[in-house]
Protein backbone atom coordinates (compact mmCIF):
# COMPACT_ATOMS: atom_id res chain seq x y z
CA MET A 1 153.16 171.41 45.82
CA ALA A 2 153.99 170.12 42.49
CA ASP A 3 157.40 170.68 41.07
CA PRO A 4 157.32 173.23 38.21
CA ALA A 5 159.82 171.22 36.23
CA SER A 6 157.53 168.23 36.23
CA MET A 7 154.61 170.19 34.91
CA PRO A 8 154.20 170.14 31.19
CA THR A 9 154.75 173.31 29.33
CA ASN A 10 152.71 174.49 26.39
CA GLU A 11 155.34 173.19 24.04
CA ASN A 12 155.26 169.75 25.59
CA ALA A 13 151.47 169.82 25.67
CA ALA A 14 151.23 170.45 21.96
CA SER A 15 153.43 167.56 21.11
CA VAL A 16 151.32 165.03 23.03
CA THR A 17 148.78 163.43 20.74
CA ILE A 18 146.07 161.13 21.80
CA THR A 19 145.68 158.05 19.73
CA GLU A 20 142.46 156.05 19.87
CA ALA A 21 142.59 152.34 19.76
CA THR A 22 140.99 151.00 16.61
CA PRO A 23 139.79 147.42 16.53
CA ALA A 24 142.08 145.06 14.77
CA ALA A 25 140.83 143.70 11.50
CA PRO A 26 140.11 139.96 11.63
CA LYS A 27 142.75 137.83 10.14
CA GLU A 28 141.62 135.91 7.14
CA THR A 29 142.29 132.24 7.49
CA ALA A 30 142.84 130.42 4.33
CA ALA A 31 140.82 127.21 3.93
CA LYS A 32 142.99 124.20 4.26
CA PRO A 33 142.71 122.02 1.20
CA ASP A 34 143.43 118.88 3.28
CA GLN A 35 140.02 118.85 5.12
CA PRO A 36 137.00 117.69 3.07
CA LYS A 37 133.62 119.34 3.59
CA PRO A 38 131.25 117.30 5.81
CA ALA A 39 128.65 115.34 3.84
CA PRO A 40 125.00 116.34 4.42
CA LEU A 41 123.03 114.03 6.74
CA PRO A 42 120.65 111.67 4.92
CA ILE A 43 116.92 112.18 5.46
CA THR A 44 115.33 109.08 6.98
CA SER A 45 111.78 108.06 7.75
CA LYS A 46 112.72 106.26 10.96
CA PRO A 47 114.73 107.59 13.88
CA LEU A 48 118.46 106.91 13.77
CA GLY A 49 118.43 105.73 17.41
CA THR A 50 118.84 102.22 18.65
CA PRO A 51 116.65 99.59 16.99
CA ILE A 52 113.51 98.49 18.85
CA ARG A 53 113.92 95.17 20.55
CA LYS A 54 111.17 92.65 20.08
CA SER A 55 109.29 91.79 23.24
CA ARG A 56 109.57 88.29 24.63
CA PHE A 57 105.77 88.04 24.88
CA SER A 58 103.57 88.97 21.96
CA ILE A 59 99.80 89.13 22.41
CA THR A 60 99.09 88.45 18.74
CA GLU A 61 101.36 85.40 18.73
CA ALA A 62 99.67 84.09 21.87
CA LEU A 63 96.22 84.51 20.30
CA GLN A 64 97.31 82.77 17.11
CA GLN A 65 98.80 79.96 19.13
CA LYS A 66 95.52 79.49 21.03
CA GLU A 67 93.63 79.31 17.75
CA LYS A 68 95.98 76.63 16.49
CA GLU A 69 95.58 74.52 19.59
CA GLU A 70 92.66 72.20 19.14
CA GLU A 71 90.46 71.39 22.09
CA VAL A 72 90.83 67.80 23.08
CA VAL A 73 87.47 66.55 24.31
CA ILE A 74 87.62 63.31 26.16
CA GLU A 75 84.29 61.58 26.04
CA GLU A 76 83.61 59.32 28.94
CA ASP A 77 82.01 55.97 28.35
CA THR A 78 78.83 56.22 30.42
CA SER A 79 77.30 52.97 29.20
CA ALA A 80 78.69 51.03 32.18
CA LEU A 81 77.53 53.65 34.71
CA PRO A 82 74.16 53.29 36.44
CA GLN A 83 71.09 54.89 34.88
CA SER A 84 68.44 54.69 37.57
CA HIS A 85 65.01 56.19 36.97
CA PHE A 86 64.28 59.68 38.34
CA THR A 87 61.15 61.82 38.21
CA GLN A 88 60.36 65.50 37.66
CA THR A 89 59.70 65.73 41.42
CA ASP A 90 63.27 64.57 42.15
CA LEU A 91 64.61 67.21 39.78
CA ASP A 92 62.44 69.99 41.27
CA ARG A 93 63.40 69.05 44.84
CA GLU A 94 67.15 69.10 44.13
CA TRP A 95 66.85 72.35 42.18
CA GLU A 96 65.04 74.03 45.10
CA LEU A 97 67.71 72.84 47.53
CA PHE A 98 70.42 74.17 45.22
CA LEU A 99 68.68 77.56 44.98
CA LYS A 100 68.37 77.78 48.79
CA GLN A 101 72.07 77.03 49.11
CA GLN A 102 72.96 79.72 46.56
CA ARG A 103 70.70 82.27 48.27
CA GLY A 104 72.83 81.91 51.40
CA GLU A 105 76.22 81.74 49.69
CA ASN A 106 76.00 83.86 46.52
CA VAL A 107 73.03 86.23 46.28
CA LEU A 108 74.02 87.58 42.85
CA LEU A 109 74.11 84.10 41.36
CA TYR A 110 70.81 83.26 43.05
CA ASN A 111 69.14 86.33 41.52
CA ALA A 112 70.48 85.38 38.07
CA ILE A 113 69.31 81.74 38.08
CA ASN A 114 66.19 81.99 40.24
CA GLY A 115 63.96 82.21 37.15
CA PHE A 116 65.27 79.01 35.53
CA LYS A 117 62.88 76.14 34.91
CA LEU A 118 64.22 72.58 34.65
CA VAL A 119 62.06 70.03 32.83
CA LYS A 120 62.71 66.31 32.47
CA GLN A 121 62.28 65.12 28.87
CA GLY A 122 62.61 61.43 28.24
CA GLU A 123 64.69 59.24 30.49
CA ASN A 124 68.10 60.90 29.99
CA GLU A 125 67.43 64.49 28.94
CA ILE A 126 66.90 67.64 31.01
CA LEU A 127 65.67 70.80 29.31
CA ILE A 128 66.63 74.08 30.97
CA HIS A 129 64.50 77.15 30.20
CA TYR A 130 66.45 80.34 30.91
CA PRO A 131 65.40 84.03 30.65
CA SER A 132 68.59 85.62 29.22
CA GLU A 133 72.08 84.85 27.93
CA THR A 134 73.61 86.62 30.93
CA ALA A 135 71.72 84.36 33.31
CA ARG A 136 72.81 81.32 31.31
CA SER A 137 76.48 82.32 31.45
CA GLU A 138 76.17 82.71 35.24
CA PHE A 139 74.58 79.27 35.55
CA GLU A 140 77.28 77.66 33.40
CA LYS A 141 79.80 78.59 36.10
CA VAL A 142 78.03 76.32 38.62
CA GLN A 143 76.21 73.80 36.43
CA GLY A 144 78.92 71.20 36.98
CA THR A 145 78.41 71.41 40.74
CA PHE A 146 74.63 71.03 40.47
CA PHE A 147 74.54 68.22 37.92
CA ASN A 148 77.37 66.28 39.58
CA HIS A 149 75.41 66.35 42.85
CA PHE A 150 72.17 65.45 41.05
CA ARG A 151 73.75 62.49 39.20
CA HIS A 152 74.99 61.02 42.46
CA LYS A 153 71.72 61.74 44.26
CA VAL A 154 69.49 59.93 41.74
CA ASN A 155 72.20 57.47 40.64
CA HIS A 156 71.79 58.38 36.97
CA PHE A 157 74.99 59.24 35.08
CA LYS A 158 73.85 59.47 31.47
CA LEU A 159 72.21 62.90 31.51
CA GLU A 160 72.01 65.14 28.46
CA ILE A 161 71.44 68.83 29.06
CA GLU A 162 69.67 71.10 26.57
CA TYR A 163 69.14 74.86 26.90
CA ARG A 164 66.22 76.87 25.56
CA MET A 165 65.75 80.62 25.95
CA ASP A 166 62.32 81.63 27.25
CA ILE A 167 61.73 85.39 27.50
CA ALA A 168 58.48 84.79 29.42
CA LEU A 169 60.60 83.73 32.42
CA LYS A 170 62.22 87.16 32.63
CA GLN A 171 61.22 88.65 35.97
CA GLU A 172 59.99 92.22 35.83
CA ILE A 173 60.42 94.49 38.83
CA LEU A 174 57.01 95.89 39.74
CA THR A 175 56.97 99.50 40.87
CA SER A 176 54.00 101.12 42.61
CA ARG A 177 53.17 102.90 39.33
CA LYS A 178 53.02 99.60 37.39
CA ILE A 179 50.92 97.97 40.10
CA PHE A 180 48.48 100.90 39.94
CA GLU A 181 48.26 100.63 36.12
CA GLN A 182 47.51 96.91 36.38
CA MET A 183 44.82 97.58 38.97
CA ALA A 184 43.38 100.41 36.84
CA GLU A 185 42.97 98.00 33.92
CA ILE A 186 40.81 95.84 36.16
CA ASN A 187 38.96 98.74 37.81
CA PRO A 188 38.85 101.93 35.65
CA SER A 189 37.30 103.97 38.48
CA LEU A 190 40.80 104.09 40.04
CA LEU A 191 41.83 106.49 37.26
CA LYS A 192 39.08 108.92 38.35
CA LEU A 193 40.34 108.68 41.93
CA HIS A 194 43.88 109.37 40.72
CA GLU A 195 42.69 112.48 38.83
CA ALA A 196 40.85 113.74 41.91
CA PHE A 197 43.47 112.99 44.57
CA LYS A 198 46.72 113.10 42.53
CA PHE A 199 48.31 109.99 44.05
CA ASP A 200 52.07 110.08 44.53
CA PHE A 201 53.71 106.89 43.20
CA SER A 202 57.31 107.84 43.86
């Protein structure tokens, strides 16, 4: 049991006051006159980061340099080289052999140049009729091979090559519908048969 002397009496109880803790008011710090105010940052149009380093290789500089370089064309003196006579038959035979070789080795090239027509004009000139610019660009990749072989074969080294575009040489892929239309122009009764039987050309 608790000791009666240790228990507070009414007199002691009245004298006890409860004080609540109030927050302390913040201390005002006086501005030190020694420190200057920071200057505002300047507004810039470019980032303030590290400067951009220039690349070692510049595409525009390389293109300009190529334009400045002039092509040096070395013309060979062909007057001392042999200029034996050759015929259109010789040219056709070598062209057919070249096409057969390309059909076995490079089918895409063969399809591109198959429609070419080579014609001998004069003693030193060969005229090449081609169907399209794409076909010509494909042929230019291998023309050196063909003409080098041809020069040695016929022993004629003063050849001049001329190109001429001929749209009539363009090969058209014939579908069954186009074949039927061509036949119907010859025989109009085929159109009546088509109306009656509804032919499927797919």
